[in-house]
Amino acid sequence: MKAARLHGAADIRLHEEPKPAPAAGETLLQVRAVGLCGSDLHWLAEGGIGDAQLAHPLVLGHEFAATTDAGERVAVDPAISCGQCEMCQTGNPNLCPYVVLAGHGAQDGALREFLAWPTKCLHRLPDSLSYADGAMLEPLGVALHAVDLGRIRAGMTVGVFGCGPIGLLIVQLARLAGATSIIATDKLAHRVEAARNLGAHHALLAQGEDDVREIRLASHARGVDVAFEAAGEQDAVDVSFAVAMPAGTVVLVGIPADDRTSFQASVARRKGLTMKMVRRMKHTYPRAIRLVERGLIDVRSLVTHRFRLEEVVEAFAAAQRRTGLKIMVEPVQER
């Protein structure tokens, strides 16, 4: 089978490897669609992410859908929690200290034609969902978890700062949750337009010094009840804290390149802000499937570019250029 392995920063190579054999409790999967995520770009650019560094050539990819060896179409939860620790036992498997994640650390991911994965992590795809839709359930799960943490209530004003795929999914979920004013910003015009098309009431091009003023104008000088930082950049963090209302909430979703985030303590303290950090997701796949199946959330329009596995270098280059929205790699294409 073919597999794409990261050997070092900016060094990804295609290999021929044996097909994996599933162990007890695992299912052999034929990988059909893999979304490239911002965290994959950190691995490619820096040879690591946060405190996890490349120890051996690694197969990236954690947003994926596949076909089982029995022919069933499935979306795949890429996180394997231990199920035994205090976090798992109290309903927080995303915080499991022993979690194994596809395409991270020592665990190979989905940018290959076949992989064996725990059967408990598989979720059947309805016939109306494509494999690419199935791969998009993973970022939708992260967005769902972020919105859960934000506790949006009907009538609230919400800010989404960073309109990549997860930010755009948060925009849609905030509208479903009853937010009556959604203000979205991004530095890229095509992402601002996508936010507008997907439900943002105000979609603004982030340009620097005037951003806070423009957001305040859009909120009628009120600010936002909940600010979602989804860019992984300090500018977006600063804006989030600046425009959050007193007693508001700031939800940090993005992953900073230098593994550091800061905020002005006096501002956060005077406002009495609550800050929440997003660590992936928990128990979201069934909800995500229902939302997409019933047409309440649009994931399909976010997939703007598709590549074969043999074109993985070109796929990563497109993702690094922020071309379009979601870049999808199809290791085994539908016939």
C-alpha atoms as a PDB file:
ATOM      1  CA  MET A   1       0.000   0.000   0.000  1.00  0.00           C
ATOM      2  CA  LYS A   2       1.025   3.645  -0.380  1.00  0.00           C
ATOM      3  CA  ALA A   3       1.677   5.806   2.694  1.00  0.00           C
ATOM      4  CA  ALA A   4       2.847   9.412   3.060  1.00  0.00           C
ATOM      5  CA  ARG A   5       5.389   9.885   5.857  1.00  0.00           C
ATOM      6  CA  LEU A   6       6.799  13.058   7.371  1.00  0.00           C
ATOM      7  CA  HIS A   7      10.569  12.663   7.794  1.00  0.00           C
ATOM      8  CA  GLY A   8      11.264  16.176   9.054  1.00  0.00           C
ATOM      9  CA  ALA A   9      10.157  19.770   8.635  1.00  0.00           C
ATOM     10  CA  ALA A  10       8.961  20.270   5.029  1.00  0.00           C
ATOM     11  CA  ASP A  11       9.992  16.699   4.162  1.00  0.00           C
ATOM     12  CA  ILE A  12       7.051  14.424   3.340  1.00  0.00           C
ATOM     13  CA  ARG A  13       7.632  11.332   1.188  1.00  0.00           C
ATOM     14  CA  LEU A  14       5.487   8.633  -0.374  1.00  0.00           C
ATOM     15  CA  HIS A  15       6.363   5.021   0.539  1.00  0.00           C
ATOM     16  CA  GLU A  16       5.282   1.504  -0.404  1.00  0.00           C
ATOM     17  CA  GLU A  17       4.524  -0.412   2.789  1.00  0.00           C
ATOM     18  CA  PRO A  18       2.844  -3.670   3.829  1.00  0.00           C
ATOM     19  CA  LYS A  19      -0.887  -3.533   4.512  1.00  0.00           C
ATOM     20  CA  PRO A  20      -1.430  -3.509   8.317  1.00  0.00           C
ATOM     21  CA  ALA A  21      -2.983  -6.491  10.073  1.00  0.00           C
ATOM     22  CA  PRO A  22      -5.719  -5.612  12.589  1.00  0.00           C
ATOM     23  CA  ALA A  23      -5.181  -6.710  16.193  1.00  0.00           C
ATOM     24  CA  ALA A  24      -7.947  -7.881  18.528  1.00  0.00           C
ATOM     25  CA  GLY A  25     -10.635  -5.218  18.763  1.00  0.00           C
ATOM     26  CA  GLU A  26      -9.486  -3.494  15.577  1.00  0.00           C
ATOM     27  CA  THR A  27     -10.956  -3.238  12.079  1.00  0.00           C
ATOM     28  CA  LEU A  28      -9.011  -2.953   8.835  1.00  0.00           C
ATOM     29  CA  LEU A  29      -9.984   0.262   7.050  1.00  0.00           C
ATOM     30  CA  GLN A  30      -9.564   1.415   3.476  1.00  0.00           C
ATOM     31  CA  VAL A  31      -9.045   5.168   3.800  1.00  0.00           C
ATOM     32  CA  ARG A  32     -11.272   7.221   1.493  1.00  0.00           C
ATOM     33  CA  ALA A  33     -10.902  10.851   2.590  1.00  0.00           C
ATOM     34  CA  VAL A  34      -8.481  12.730   4.850  1.00  0.00           C
ATOM     35  CA  GLY A  35      -8.809  16.427   5.683  1.00  0.00           C
ATOM     36  CA  LEU A  36      -5.637  18.440   6.237  1.00  0.00           C
ATOM     37  CA  CYS A  37      -5.818  20.343   9.512  1.00  0.00           C
ATOM     38  CA  GLY A  38      -3.937  23.299  10.937  1.00  0.00           C
ATOM     39  CA  SER A  39      -2.178  20.962  13.353  1.00  0.00           C
ATOM     40  CA  ASP A  40      -0.924  18.896  10.390  1.00  0.00           C
ATOM     41  CA  LEU A  41       0.591  22.111   9.024  1.00  0.00           C
ATOM     42  CA  HIS A  42       2.405  22.660  12.323  1.00  0.00           C
ATOM     43  CA  TRP A  43       3.901  19.170  12.036  1.00  0.00           C
ATOM     44  CA  LEU A  44       4.972  19.854   8.455  1.00  0.00           C
ATOM     45  CA  ALA A  45       6.420  23.309   9.086  1.00  0.00           C
ATOM     46  CA  GLU A  46       8.054  22.689  12.456  1.00  0.00           C
ATOM     47  CA  GLY A  47       8.516  18.930  12.722  1.00  0.00           C
ATOM     48  CA  GLY A  48       6.260  18.918  15.763  1.00  0.00           C
ATOM     49  CA  ILE A  49       3.454  20.644  17.595  1.00  0.00           C
ATOM     50  CA  GLY A  50       3.698  22.020  21.113  1.00  0.00           C
ATOM     51  CA  ASP A  51       5.735  19.629  23.235  1.00  0.00           C
ATOM     52  CA  ALA A  52       5.283  16.725  20.788  1.00  0.00           C
ATOM     53  CA  GLN A  53       8.195  16.399  18.389  1.00  0.00           C
ATOM     54  CA  LEU A  54       8.916  14.069  15.496  1.00  0.00           C
ATOM     55  CA  ALA A  55      10.692  10.956  16.786  1.00  0.00           C
ATOM     56  CA  HIS A  56      10.409   8.828  13.624  1.00  0.00           C
ATOM     57  CA  PRO A  57       8.893   9.226  10.140  1.00  0.00           C
ATOM     58  CA  LEU A  58       5.207   9.806  10.857  1.00  0.00           C
ATOM     59  CA  VAL A  59       2.028   9.322   8.823  1.00  0.00           C
ATOM     60  CA  LEU A  60      -0.076  12.436   9.442  1.00  0.00           C
ATOM     61  CA  GLY A  61      -3.857  12.757   9.163  1.00  0.00           C
ATOM     62  CA  HIS A  62      -6.566  12.612  11.836  1.00  0.00           C
ATOM     63  CA  GLU A  63      -9.696  13.850  10.014  1.00  0.00           C
ATOM     64  CA  PHE A  64     -10.828  10.829   8.016  1.00  0.00           C
ATOM     65  CA  ALA A  65     -13.508   8.506   6.752  1.00  0.00           C
ATOM     66  CA  ALA A  66     -13.086   5.004   5.424  1.00  0.00           C
ATOM     67  CA  THR A  67     -14.609   1.711   4.315  1.00  0.00           C
ATOM     68  CA  THR A  68     -14.328  -1.304   6.622  1.00  0.00           C
ATOM     69  CA  ASP A  69     -13.185  -4.688   5.375  1.00  0.00           C
ATOM     70  CA  ALA A  70     -16.887  -5.658   5.503  1.00  0.00           C
ATOM     71  CA  GLY A  71     -17.808  -2.791   3.167  1.00  0.00           C
ATOM     72  CA  GLU A  72     -19.374  -0.459   5.738  1.00  0.00           C
ATOM     73  CA  ARG A  73     -18.849   3.285   5.298  1.00  0.00           C
ATOM     74  CA  VAL A  74     -17.584   4.923   8.509  1.00  0.00           C
ATOM     75  CA  ALA A  75     -16.310   8.152  10.009  1.00  0.00           C
ATOM     76  CA  VAL A  76     -13.437   7.554  12.381  1.00  0.00           C
ATOM     77  CA  ASP A  77     -12.762   9.104  15.769  1.00  0.00           C
ATOM     78  CA  PRO A  78      -8.977   9.568  15.690  1.00  0.00           C
ATOM     79  CA  ALA A  79      -8.555   9.635  19.491  1.00  0.00           C
ATOM     80  CA  ILE A  80      -8.153   6.439  21.491  1.00  0.00           C
ATOM     81  CA  SER A  81      -8.628   7.183  25.194  1.00  0.00           C
ATOM     82  CA  CYS A  82      -7.706   4.663  27.861  1.00  0.00           C
ATOM     83  CA  GLY A  83     -11.226   4.405  29.344  1.00  0.00           C
ATOM     84  CA  GLN A  84      -9.833   3.740  32.821  1.00  0.00           C
ATOM     85  CA  CYS A  85      -8.330   6.976  34.142  1.00  0.00           C
ATOM     86  CA  GLU A  86     -10.173   9.576  36.234  1.00  0.00           C
ATOM     87  CA  MET A  87     -10.769  11.838  33.226  1.00  0.00           C
ATOM     88  CA  CYS A  88     -12.270   9.019  31.162  1.00  0.00           C
ATOM     89  CA  GLN A  89     -14.366   7.791  34.062  1.00  0.00           C
ATOM     90  CA  THR A  90     -15.775  11.284  34.705  1.00  0.00           C
ATOM     91  CA  GLY A  91     -16.829  11.793  31.080  1.00  0.00           C
ATOM     92  CA  ASN A  92     -13.830  13.743  29.801  1.00  0.00           C
ATOM     93  CA  PRO A  93     -12.000  11.323  27.474  1.00  0.00           C
ATOM     94  CA  ASN A  94     -10.592  14.283  25.505  1.00  0.00           C
ATOM     95  CA  LEU A  95      -8.508  15.098  28.608  1.00  0.00           C
ATOM     96  CA  CYS A  96      -7.227  11.530  29.062  1.00  0.00           C
ATOM     97  CA  PRO A  97      -3.482  11.767  29.815  1.00  0.00           C
ATOM     98  CA  TYR A  98      -2.925   8.469  28.026  1.00  0.00           C
ATOM     99  CA  VAL A  99      -4.838   9.285  24.849  1.00  0.00           C
ATOM    100  CA  VAL A 100      -3.407   8.070  21.551  1.00  0.00           C
ATOM    101  CA  LEU A 101      -4.172  10.293  18.565  1.00  0.00           C
ATOM    102  CA  ALA A 102      -3.858   9.402  14.892  1.00  0.00           C
ATOM    103  CA  GLY A 103      -1.063  11.306  13.163  1.00  0.00           C
ATOM    104  CA  HIS A 104       0.469  12.574  16.394  1.00  0.00           C
ATOM    105  CA  GLY A 105       3.597  11.610  18.318  1.00  0.00           C
ATOM    106  CA  ALA A 106       4.330   7.934  17.753  1.00  0.00           C
ATOM    107  CA  GLN A 107       0.914   7.006  16.304  1.00  0.00           C
ATOM    108  CA  ASP A 108       0.625   6.881  12.521  1.00  0.00           C
ATOM    109  CA  GLY A 109      -2.420   8.563  11.020  1.00  0.00           C
ATOM    110  CA  ALA A 110      -4.583   8.248   7.934  1.00  0.00           C
ATOM    111  CA  LEU A 111      -2.544   9.531   4.973  1.00  0.00           C
ATOM    112  CA  ARG A 112      -2.202   5.980   3.631  1.00  0.00           C
ATOM    113  CA  GLU A 113      -4.380   3.540   1.774  1.00  0.00           C
ATOM    114  CA  PHE A 114      -5.106   1.194   4.700  1.00  0.00           C
ATOM    115  CA  LEU A 115      -4.925   1.302   8.475  1.00  0.00           C
ATOM    116  CA  ALA A 116      -6.158  -0.786  11.388  1.00  0.00           C
ATOM    117  CA  TRP A 117      -8.121   1.143  14.023  1.00  0.00           C
ATOM    118  CA  PRO A 118     -10.175   0.256  17.125  1.00  0.00           C
ATOM    119  CA  THR A 119     -13.681  -0.788  16.167  1.00  0.00           C
ATOM    120  CA  LYS A 120     -15.087   1.243  19.094  1.00  0.00           C
ATOM    121  CA  CYS A 121     -13.923   4.434  17.320  1.00  0.00           C
ATOM    122  CA  LEU A 122     -15.972   3.839  14.156  1.00  0.00           C
ATOM    123  CA  HIS A 123     -19.261   5.621  13.410  1.00  0.00           C
ATOM    124  CA  ARG A 124     -21.493   4.474  10.560  1.00  0.00           C
ATOM    125  CA  LEU A 125     -22.036   7.073   7.853  1.00  0.00           C
ATOM    126  CA  PRO A 126     -25.608   7.586   6.610  1.00  0.00           C
ATOM    127  CA  ASP A 127     -26.026   7.048   2.875  1.00  0.00           C
ATOM    128  CA  SER A 128     -26.604  10.774   2.344  1.00  0.00           C
ATOM    129  CA  LEU A 129     -23.112  11.664   3.608  1.00  0.00           C
ATOM    130  CA  SER A 130     -20.061  11.372   1.362  1.00  0.00           C
ATOM    131  CA  TYR A 131     -16.645  10.242   2.576  1.00  0.00           C
ATOM    132  CA  ALA A 132     -15.491  13.868   2.538  1.00  0.00           C
ATOM    133  CA  ASP A 133     -18.535  14.746   4.675  1.00  0.00           C
ATOM    134  CA  GLY A 134     -17.455  11.981   7.034  1.00  0.00           C
ATOM    135  CA  ALA A 135     -13.948  13.393   7.336  1.00  0.00           C
ATOM    136  CA  MET A 136     -15.444  16.819   8.116  1.00  0.00           C
ATOM    137  CA  LEU A 137     -17.212  15.383  11.165  1.00  0.00           C
ATOM    138  CA  GLU A 138     -13.923  15.609  13.077  1.00  0.00           C
ATOM    139  CA  PRO A 139     -13.498  19.407  12.781  1.00  0.00           C
ATOM    140  CA  LEU A 140     -17.252  19.742  13.317  1.00  0.00           C
ATOM    141  CA  GLY A 141     -16.790  17.813  16.564  1.00  0.00           C
ATOM    142  CA  VAL A 142     -14.112  20.271  17.683  1.00  0.00           C
ATOM    143  CA  ALA A 143     -16.414  23.184  16.821  1.00  0.00           C
ATOM    144  CA  LEU A 144     -19.280  21.542  18.733  1.00  0.00           C
ATOM    145  CA  HIS A 145     -17.089  21.117  21.800  1.00  0.00           C
ATOM    146  CA  ALA A 146     -15.985  24.762  21.564  1.00  0.00           C
ATOM    147  CA  VAL A 147     -19.597  25.962  21.366  1.00  0.00           C
ATOM    148  CA  ASP A 148     -20.526  23.695  24.284  1.00  0.00           C
ATOM    149  CA  LEU A 149     -17.786  25.382  26.337  1.00  0.00           C
ATOM    150  CA  GLY A 150     -19.000  28.826  25.233  1.00  0.00           C
ATOM    151  CA  ARG A 151     -22.527  28.123  26.506  1.00  0.00           C
ATOM    152  CA  ILE A 152     -24.227  30.323  23.935  1.00  0.00           C
ATOM    153  CA  ARG A 153     -27.776  31.299  24.857  1.00  0.00           C
ATOM    154  CA  ALA A 154     -30.530  32.656  22.632  1.00  0.00           C
ATOM    155  CA  GLY A 155     -30.144  36.367  21.978  1.00  0.00           C
ATOM    156  CA  MET A 156     -26.398  36.526  22.608  1.00  0.00           C
ATOM    157  CA  THR A 157     -23.804  38.359  20.537  1.00  0.00           C
ATOM    158  CA  VAL A 158     -20.948  36.095  19.458  1.00  0.00           C
ATOM    159  CA  GLY A 159     -17.557  36.847  17.930  1.00  0.00           C
ATOM    160  CA  VAL A 160     -15.625  34.349  15.802  1.00  0.00           C
ATOM    161  CA  PHE A 161     -12.085  35.516  15.115  1.00  0.00           C
ATOM    162  CA  GLY A 162     -10.490  33.278  12.491  1.00  0.00           C
ATOM    163  CA  CYS A 163     -12.651  31.793   9.740  1.00  0.00           C
ATOM    164  CA  GLY A 164     -10.884  28.655   8.675  1.00  0.00           C
ATOM    165  CA  PRO A 165     -13.046  25.506   8.594  1.00  0.00           C
ATOM    166  CA  ILE A 166     -13.477  25.277  12.386  1.00  0.00           C
ATOM    167  CA  GLY A 167     -14.292  28.973  12.673  1.00  0.00           C
ATOM    168  CA  LEU A 168     -16.859  28.662   9.885  1.00  0.00           C
ATOM    169  CA  LEU A 169     -18.436  25.682  11.631  1.00  0.00           C
ATOM    170  CA  ILE A 170     -18.612  27.691  14.875  1.00  0.00           C
ATOM    171  CA  VAL A 171     -20.403  30.474  12.950  1.00  0.00           C
ATOM    172  CA  GLN A 172     -23.057  27.980  11.832  1.00  0.00           C
ATOM    173  CA  LEU A 173     -23.404  26.384  15.269  1.00  0.00           C
ATOM    174  CA  ALA A 174     -23.695  29.778  16.968  1.00  0.00           C
ATOM    175  CA  ARG A 175     -26.582  30.654  14.689  1.00  0.00           C
ATOM    176  CA  LEU A 176     -28.263  27.327  15.474  1.00  0.00           C
ATOM    177  CA  ALA A 177     -27.764  28.002  19.190  1.00  0.00           C
ATOM    178  CA  GLY A 178     -29.743  31.241  18.915  1.00  0.00           C
ATOM    179  CA  ALA A 179     -27.074  33.945  18.676  1.00  0.00           C
ATOM    180  CA  THR A 180     -28.778  36.999  17.195  1.00  0.00           C
ATOM    181  CA  SER A 181     -25.574  38.788  16.230  1.00  0.00           C
ATOM    182  CA  ILE A 182     -22.513  36.927  14.964  1.00  0.00           C
ATOM    183  CA  ILE A 183     -19.417  38.966  14.131  1.00  0.00           C
ATOM    184  CA  ALA A 184     -16.736  37.088  12.209  1.00  0.00           C
ATOM    185  CA  THR A 185     -13.283  38.254  11.103  1.00  0.00           C
ATOM    186  CA  ASP A 186     -10.402  36.864   9.095  1.00  0.00           C
ATOM    187  CA  LYS A 187      -7.357  38.206   7.260  1.00  0.00           C
ATOM    188  CA  LEU A 188      -8.337  36.450   4.014  1.00  0.00           C
ATOM    189  CA  ALA A 189     -11.136  37.917   1.898  1.00  0.00           C
ATOM    190  CA  HIS A 190     -12.445  34.561   0.641  1.00  0.00           C
ATOM    191  CA  ARG A 191     -12.860  33.330   4.221  1.00  0.00           C
ATOM    192  CA  VAL A 192     -14.696  36.507   5.192  1.00  0.00           C
ATOM    193  CA  GLU A 193     -17.050  35.921   2.264  1.00  0.00           C
ATOM    194  CA  ALA A 194     -17.556  32.304   3.353  1.00  0.00           C
ATOM    195  CA  ALA A 195     -18.451  33.473   6.877  1.00  0.00           C
ATOM    196  CA  ARG A 196     -21.024  35.859   5.433  1.00  0.00           C
ATOM    197  CA  ASN A 197     -22.518  33.099   3.263  1.00  0.00           C
ATOM    198  CA  LEU A 198     -22.692  30.674   6.192  1.00  0.00           C
ATOM    199  CA  GLY A 199     -24.578  32.918   8.567  1.00  0.00           C
ATOM    200  CA  ALA A 200     -22.390  35.640  10.074  1.00  0.00           C
ATOM    201  CA  HIS A 201     -24.388  38.835  10.484  1.00  0.00           C
ATOM    202  CA  HIS A 202     -21.206  40.907  10.190  1.00  0.00           C
ATOM    203  CA  ALA A 203     -18.174  39.527   8.332  1.00  0.00           C
ATOM    204  CA  LEU A 204     -15.142  41.809   8.516  1.00  0.00           C
ATOM    205  CA  LEU A 205     -11.682  41.721   6.968  1.00  0.00           C
ATOM    206  CA  ALA A 206      -9.137  41.833   9.823  1.00  0.00           C
ATOM    207  CA  GLN A 207      -6.614  44.558   9.070  1.00  0.00           C
ATOM    208  CA  GLY A 208      -4.957  45.432  12.370  1.00  0.00           C
ATOM    209  CA  GLU A 209      -5.371  48.565  14.479  1.00  0.00           C
ATOM    210  CA  ASP A 210      -8.992  49.315  13.523  1.00  0.00           C
ATOM    211  CA  ASP A 211     -10.315  45.792  14.113  1.00  0.00           C
ATOM    212  CA  VAL A 212     -11.515  46.392  17.676  1.00  0.00           C
ATOM    213  CA  ARG A 213     -13.259  49.626  16.650  1.00  0.00           C
ATOM    214  CA  GLU A 214     -14.986  47.914  13.706  1.00  0.00           C
ATOM    215  CA  ILE A 215     -16.154  45.029  15.874  1.00  0.00           C
ATOM    216  CA  ARG A 216     -17.494  47.417  18.491  1.00  0.00           C
ATOM    217  CA  LEU A 217     -19.374  49.329  15.797  1.00  0.00           C
ATOM    218  CA  ALA A 218     -20.863  46.063  14.520  1.00  0.00           C
ATOM    219  CA  SER A 219     -21.997  45.204  18.056  1.00  0.00           C
ATOM    220  CA  HIS A 220     -23.470  48.715  18.616  1.00  0.00           C
ATOM    221  CA  ALA A 221     -20.654  49.435  21.109  1.00  0.00           C
ATOM    222  CA  ARG A 222     -21.798  46.515  23.242  1.00  0.00           C
ATOM    223  CA  GLY A 223     -19.039  43.984  22.587  1.00  0.00           C
ATOM    224  CA  VAL A 224     -19.615  40.222  22.455  1.00  0.00           C
ATOM    225  CA  ASP A 225     -20.942  37.832  25.086  1.00  0.00           C
ATOM    226  CA  VAL A 226     -18.749  34.987  23.844  1.00  0.00           C
ATOM    227  CA  ALA A 227     -15.557  35.368  21.798  1.00  0.00           C
ATOM    228  CA  PHE A 228     -14.155  32.366  19.930  1.00  0.00           C
ATOM    229  CA  GLU A 229     -10.497  32.722  18.937  1.00  0.00           C
ATOM    230  CA  ALA A 230     -10.065  30.257  16.071  1.00  0.00           C
ATOM    231  CA  ALA A 231      -6.991  31.578  14.269  1.00  0.00           C
ATOM    232  CA  GLY A 232      -4.109  30.424  16.460  1.00  0.00           C
ATOM    233  CA  GLU A 233      -2.620  33.922  16.241  1.00  0.00           C
ATOM    234  CA  GLN A 234      -1.909  36.440  18.986  1.00  0.00           C
ATOM    235  CA  ASP A 235      -3.754  39.214  17.134  1.00  0.00           C
ATOM    236  CA  ALA A 236      -6.974  37.206  17.331  1.00  0.00           C
ATOM    237  CA  VAL A 237      -6.416  36.508  21.034  1.00  0.00           C
ATOM    238  CA  ASP A 238      -5.896  40.219  21.718  1.00  0.00           C
ATOM    239  CA  VAL A 239      -9.072  41.130  19.821  1.00  0.00           C
ATOM    240  CA  SER A 240     -11.063  38.464  21.669  1.00  0.00           C
ATOM    241  CA  PHE A 241     -10.154  39.857  25.094  1.00  0.00           C
ATOM    242  CA  ALA A 242     -10.585  43.463  23.934  1.00  0.00           C
ATOM    243  CA  VAL A 243     -14.149  43.037  22.638  1.00  0.00           C
ATOM    244  CA  ALA A 244     -15.487  40.533  25.184  1.00  0.00           C
ATOM    245  CA  MET A 245     -18.112  42.101  27.440  1.00  0.00           C
ATOM    246  CA  PRO A 246     -17.719  42.235  31.215  1.00  0.00           C
ATOM    247  CA  ALA A 247     -18.574  38.803  32.639  1.00  0.00           C
ATOM    248  CA  GLY A 248     -18.122  37.401  29.120  1.00  0.00           C
ATOM    249  CA  THR A 249     -16.324  34.272  27.957  1.00  0.00           C
ATOM    250  CA  VAL A 250     -13.298  33.851  25.723  1.00  0.00           C
ATOM    251  CA  VAL A 251     -12.897  30.398  24.155  1.00  0.00           C
ATOM    252  CA  LEU A 252      -9.422  29.697  22.752  1.00  0.00           C
ATOM    253  CA  VAL A 253      -9.649  27.195  19.902  1.00  0.00           C
ATOM    254  CA  GLY A 254      -6.587  27.993  17.767  1.00  0.00           C
ATOM    255  CA  ILE A 255      -3.129  26.450  18.215  1.00  0.00           C
ATOM    256  CA  PRO A 256      -0.304  29.039  18.295  1.00  0.00           C
ATOM    257  CA  ALA A 257       2.829  28.252  16.276  1.00  0.00           C
ATOM    258  CA  ASP A 258       5.182  29.087  19.164  1.00  0.00           C
ATOM    259  CA  ASP A 259       3.120  27.213  21.805  1.00  0.00           C
ATOM    260  CA  ARG A 260       2.526  30.484  23.676  1.00  0.00           C
ATOM    261  CA  THR A 261      -0.633  32.564  24.233  1.00  0.00           C
ATOM    262  CA  SER A 262      -0.802  35.773  26.268  1.00  0.00           C
ATOM    263  CA  PHE A 263      -3.446  38.305  27.255  1.00  0.00           C
ATOM    264  CA  GLN A 264      -3.595  41.603  29.126  1.00  0.00           C
ATOM    265  CA  ALA A 265      -4.318  40.529  32.689  1.00  0.00           C
ATOM    266  CA  SER A 266      -5.710  43.895  33.808  1.00  0.00           C
ATOM    267  CA  VAL A 267      -8.328  43.849  31.045  1.00  0.00           C
ATOM    268  CA  ALA A 268      -9.375  40.266  31.756  1.00  0.00           C
ATOM    269  CA  ARG A 269      -9.435  40.905  35.510  1.00  0.00           C
ATOM    270  CA  ARG A 270     -11.457  44.132  35.384  1.00  0.00           C
ATOM    271  CA  LYS A 271     -13.994  42.509  33.090  1.00  0.00           C
ATOM    272  CA  GLY A 272     -14.158  39.337  35.162  1.00  0.00           C
ATOM    273  CA  LEU A 273     -13.748  37.255  32.013  1.00  0.00           C
ATOM    274  CA  THR A 274     -13.899  33.481  31.890  1.00  0.00           C
ATOM    275  CA  MET A 275     -11.309  31.855  29.621  1.00  0.00           C
ATOM    276  CA  LYS A 276     -11.746  28.319  28.332  1.00  0.00           C
ATOM    277  CA  MET A 277      -9.326  26.159  26.368  1.00  0.00           C
ATOM    278  CA  VAL A 278     -10.506  23.675  23.753  1.00  0.00           C
ATOM    279  CA  ARG A 279      -8.916  20.234  23.882  1.00  0.00           C
ATOM    280  CA  ARG A 280     -10.339  18.458  20.852  1.00  0.00           C
ATOM    281  CA  MET A 281     -13.855  17.094  21.570  1.00  0.00           C
ATOM    282  CA  LYS A 282     -15.865  14.529  23.500  1.00  0.00           C
ATOM    283  CA  HIS A 283     -18.898  12.427  22.571  1.00  0.00           C
ATOM    284  CA  THR A 284     -19.678  14.644  19.573  1.00  0.00           C
ATOM    285  CA  TYR A 285     -19.771  12.243  16.600  1.00  0.00           C
ATOM    286  CA  PRO A 286     -23.429  11.176  16.962  1.00  0.00           C
ATOM    287  CA  ARG A 287     -24.538  14.813  17.255  1.00  0.00           C
ATOM    288  CA  ALA A 288     -22.329  15.888  14.358  1.00  0.00           C
ATOM    289  CA  ILE A 289     -23.753  13.149  12.128  1.00  0.00           C
ATOM    290  CA  ARG A 290     -27.336  14.169  12.945  1.00  0.00           C
ATOM    291  CA  LEU A 291     -26.632  17.853  12.269  1.00  0.00           C
ATOM    292  CA  VAL A 292     -25.131  17.168   8.840  1.00  0.00           C
ATOM    293  CA  GLU A 293     -27.644  14.457   7.897  1.00  0.00           C
ATOM    294  CA  ARG A 294     -30.563  16.798   8.611  1.00  0.00           C
ATOM    295  CA  GLY A 295     -29.024  19.673   6.673  1.00  0.00           C
ATOM    296  CA  LEU A 296     -28.614  21.898   9.729  1.00  0.00           C
ATOM    297  CA  ILE A 297     -24.857  22.281   9.253  1.00  0.00           C
ATOM    298  CA  ASP A 298     -23.120  22.618   5.894  1.00  0.00           C
ATOM    299  CA  VAL A 299     -19.767  20.836   5.792  1.00  0.00           C
ATOM    300  CA  ARG A 300     -19.761  20.050   2.089  1.00  0.00           C
ATOM    301  CA  SER A 301     -19.185  23.589   0.809  1.00  0.00           C
ATOM    302  CA  LEU A 302     -16.099  23.877   3.021  1.00  0.00           C
ATOM    303  CA  VAL A 303     -14.262  21.226   0.994  1.00  0.00           C
ATOM    304  CA  THR A 304     -12.792  23.286  -1.828  1.00  0.00           C
ATOM    305  CA  HIS A 305      -9.837  21.194  -3.071  1.00  0.00           C
ATOM    306  CA  ARG A 306      -9.277  17.458  -3.507  1.00  0.00           C
ATOM    307  CA  PHE A 307      -6.005  15.623  -4.164  1.00  0.00           C
ATOM    308  CA  ARG A 308      -4.913  12.030  -4.683  1.00  0.00           C
ATOM    309  CA  LEU A 309      -2.458  10.539  -2.171  1.00  0.00           C
ATOM    310  CA  GLU A 310       0.225  10.716  -4.859  1.00  0.00           C
ATOM    311  CA  GLU A 311      -0.302  14.497  -4.840  1.00  0.00           C
ATOM    312  CA  VAL A 312       0.141  14.877  -1.075  1.00  0.00           C
ATOM    313  CA  VAL A 313       3.023  17.352  -1.406  1.00  0.00           C
ATOM    314  CA  GLU A 314       0.874  19.578  -3.621  1.00  0.00           C
ATOM    315  CA  ALA A 315      -2.020  19.182  -1.171  1.00  0.00           C
ATOM    316  CA  PHE A 316       0.079  20.434   1.742  1.00  0.00           C
ATOM    317  CA  ALA A 317       1.414  23.296  -0.374  1.00  0.00           C
ATOM    318  CA  ALA A 318      -2.167  24.383  -1.131  1.00  0.00           C
ATOM    319  CA  ALA A 319      -3.053  24.161   2.563  1.00  0.00           C
ATOM    320  CA  GLN A 320      -0.002  26.231   3.544  1.00  0.00           C
ATOM    321  CA  ARG A 321      -1.011  28.904   1.043  1.00  0.00           C
ATOM    322  CA  ARG A 322      -4.485  28.887   2.629  1.00  0.00           C
ATOM    323  CA  THR A 323      -5.929  28.192  -0.767  1.00  0.00           C
ATOM    324  CA  GLY A 324      -9.681  27.775  -0.479  1.00  0.00           C
ATOM    325  CA  LEU A 325     -10.977  26.323   2.778  1.00  0.00           C
ATOM    326  CA  LYS A 326     -10.594  22.594   3.497  1.00  0.00           C
ATOM    327  CA  ILE A 327      -8.048  20.558   1.543  1.00  0.00           C
ATOM    328  CA  MET A 328      -9.063  16.905   1.199  1.00  0.00           C
ATOM    329  CA  VAL A 329      -6.741  14.013   0.261  1.00  0.00           C
ATOM    330  CA  GLU A 330      -8.358  10.844  -1.115  1.00  0.00           C
ATOM    331  CA  PRO A 331      -6.000   7.869  -0.649  1.00  0.00           C
ATOM    332  CA  VAL A 332      -8.483   5.416  -2.195  1.00  0.00           C
ATOM    333  CA  GLN A 333     -10.869   7.134  -4.557  1.00  0.00           C
ATOM    334  CA  GLU A 334     -14.425   6.036  -5.256  1.00  0.00           C
ATOM    335  CA  ARG A 335     -14.844   4.201  -8.529  1.00  0.00           C
END
